[in-house]
């Protein structure tokens, strides 16, 4: 998954402003206690980060 697809899905799920906030502020157990921003900065693949988002939030099947 490319980062552009990842951010498109984040924006669809949360809305543009809230997606940024979730990525910056929400610490996720599935990402080893990191935020989305930290995981991506550490080189975690966007697909793996999106899988963590899906596991953590109520993401509709159309975005999974």
C-alpha atoms as a PDB file:
ATOM      1  CA  UNK A   1       0.000   0.000   0.000  1.00  0.00           C
ATOM      2  CA  UNK A   2       1.354   3.395  -0.952  1.00  0.00           C
ATOM      3  CA  UNK A   3       1.286   6.269   1.509  1.00  0.00           C
ATOM      4  CA  UNK A   4      -1.131   8.195  -0.703  1.00  0.00           C
ATOM      5  CA  UNK A   5      -3.622   5.320  -0.495  1.00  0.00           C
ATOM      6  CA  UNK A   6      -3.051   5.075   3.255  1.00  0.00           C
ATOM      7  CA  UNK A   7      -3.800   8.779   3.811  1.00  0.00           C
ATOM      8  CA  UNK A   8      -6.788   8.657   1.486  1.00  0.00           C
ATOM      9  CA  UNK A   9      -8.256   5.854   3.600  1.00  0.00           C
ATOM     10  CA  UNK A  10      -7.434   7.692   6.828  1.00  0.00           C
ATOM     11  CA  UNK A  11      -9.201  10.799   5.527  1.00  0.00           C
ATOM     12  CA  UNK A  12     -12.221   8.766   4.433  1.00  0.00           C
ATOM     13  CA  UNK A  13     -12.418   7.057   7.814  1.00  0.00           C
ATOM     14  CA  UNK A  14     -11.846  10.019  10.126  1.00  0.00           C
ATOM     15  CA  UNK A  15     -12.120  13.190   8.070  1.00  0.00           C
ATOM     16  CA  UNK A  16      -9.041  15.183   7.140  1.00  0.00           C
ATOM     17  CA  UNK A  17      -8.478  17.107  10.378  1.00  0.00           C
ATOM     18  CA  UNK A  18      -9.298  14.255  12.713  1.00  0.00           C
ATOM     19  CA  UNK A  19      -7.146  11.841  10.686  1.00  0.00           C
ATOM     20  CA  UNK A  20      -4.146  14.093  11.334  1.00  0.00           C
ATOM     21  CA  UNK A  21      -4.956  14.183  15.042  1.00  0.00           C
ATOM     22  CA  UNK A  22      -5.374  10.401  15.260  1.00  0.00           C
ATOM     23  CA  UNK A  23      -2.076   9.886  13.438  1.00  0.00           C
ATOM     24  CA  UNK A  24      -0.244  12.284  15.725  1.00  0.00           C
ATOM     25  CA  UNK A  25      -1.819  11.598  19.108  1.00  0.00           C
ATOM     26  CA  UNK A  26      -3.287   8.092  19.323  1.00  0.00           C
ATOM     27  CA  UNK A  27      -0.859   5.503  20.704  1.00  0.00           C
ATOM     28  CA  UNK A  28      -1.660   2.069  19.321  1.00  0.00           C
ATOM     29  CA  UNK A  29      -0.789  -1.226  20.982  1.00  0.00           C
ATOM     30  CA  UNK A  30      -0.682  -2.958  17.574  1.00  0.00           C
ATOM     31  CA  UNK A  31       2.122  -0.574  16.591  1.00  0.00           C
ATOM     32  CA  UNK A  32       4.228  -1.366  19.627  1.00  0.00           C
ATOM     33  CA  UNK A  33       3.013   1.601  21.646  1.00  0.00           C
ATOM     34  CA  UNK A  34       3.709   4.093  18.852  1.00  0.00           C
ATOM     35  CA  UNK A  35       1.515   6.554  17.068  1.00  0.00           C
ATOM     36  CA  UNK A  36       0.803   6.207  13.360  1.00  0.00           C
ATOM     37  CA  UNK A  37       3.231   9.049  12.628  1.00  0.00           C
ATOM     38  CA  UNK A  38       5.964   7.392  14.694  1.00  0.00           C
ATOM     39  CA  UNK A  39       5.428   3.998  13.070  1.00  0.00           C
ATOM     40  CA  UNK A  40       5.568   5.444   9.556  1.00  0.00           C
ATOM     41  CA  UNK A  41       8.646   7.527  10.439  1.00  0.00           C
ATOM     42  CA  UNK A  42      10.299   4.362  11.770  1.00  0.00           C
ATOM     43  CA  UNK A  43       9.785   2.736   8.364  1.00  0.00           C
ATOM     44  CA  UNK A  44       6.801   0.560   9.218  1.00  0.00           C
ATOM     45  CA  UNK A  45       5.024  -0.331   5.941  1.00  0.00           C
ATOM     46  CA  UNK A  46       1.835   1.650   5.331  1.00  0.00           C
ATOM     47  CA  UNK A  47      -0.093  -1.605   4.844  1.00  0.00           C
ATOM     48  CA  UNK A  48       0.930  -2.824   8.302  1.00  0.00           C
ATOM     49  CA  UNK A  49      -0.011   0.523   9.860  1.00  0.00           C
ATOM     50  CA  UNK A  50      -3.396   0.444   8.123  1.00  0.00           C
ATOM     51  CA  UNK A  51      -3.982  -3.084   9.446  1.00  0.00           C
ATOM     52  CA  UNK A  52      -3.388  -1.715  12.952  1.00  0.00           C
ATOM     53  CA  UNK A  53      -5.900   1.078  12.308  1.00  0.00           C
ATOM     54  CA  UNK A  54      -8.485  -1.464  11.127  1.00  0.00           C
ATOM     55  CA  UNK A  55      -7.864  -3.622  14.221  1.00  0.00           C
ATOM     56  CA  UNK A  56      -8.188  -0.640  16.563  1.00  0.00           C
ATOM     57  CA  UNK A  57     -11.079   1.351  15.098  1.00  0.00           C
ATOM     58  CA  UNK A  58     -14.476   0.467  13.633  1.00  0.00           C
ATOM     59  CA  UNK A  59     -13.432   0.709   9.972  1.00  0.00           C
ATOM     60  CA  UNK A  60     -16.099  -0.198   7.407  1.00  0.00           C
ATOM     61  CA  UNK A  61     -15.352  -3.187   5.224  1.00  0.00           C
ATOM     62  CA  UNK A  62     -15.243  -0.961   2.124  1.00  0.00           C
ATOM     63  CA  UNK A  63     -12.051   0.646   3.494  1.00  0.00           C
ATOM     64  CA  UNK A  64     -10.395  -2.502   4.751  1.00  0.00           C
END
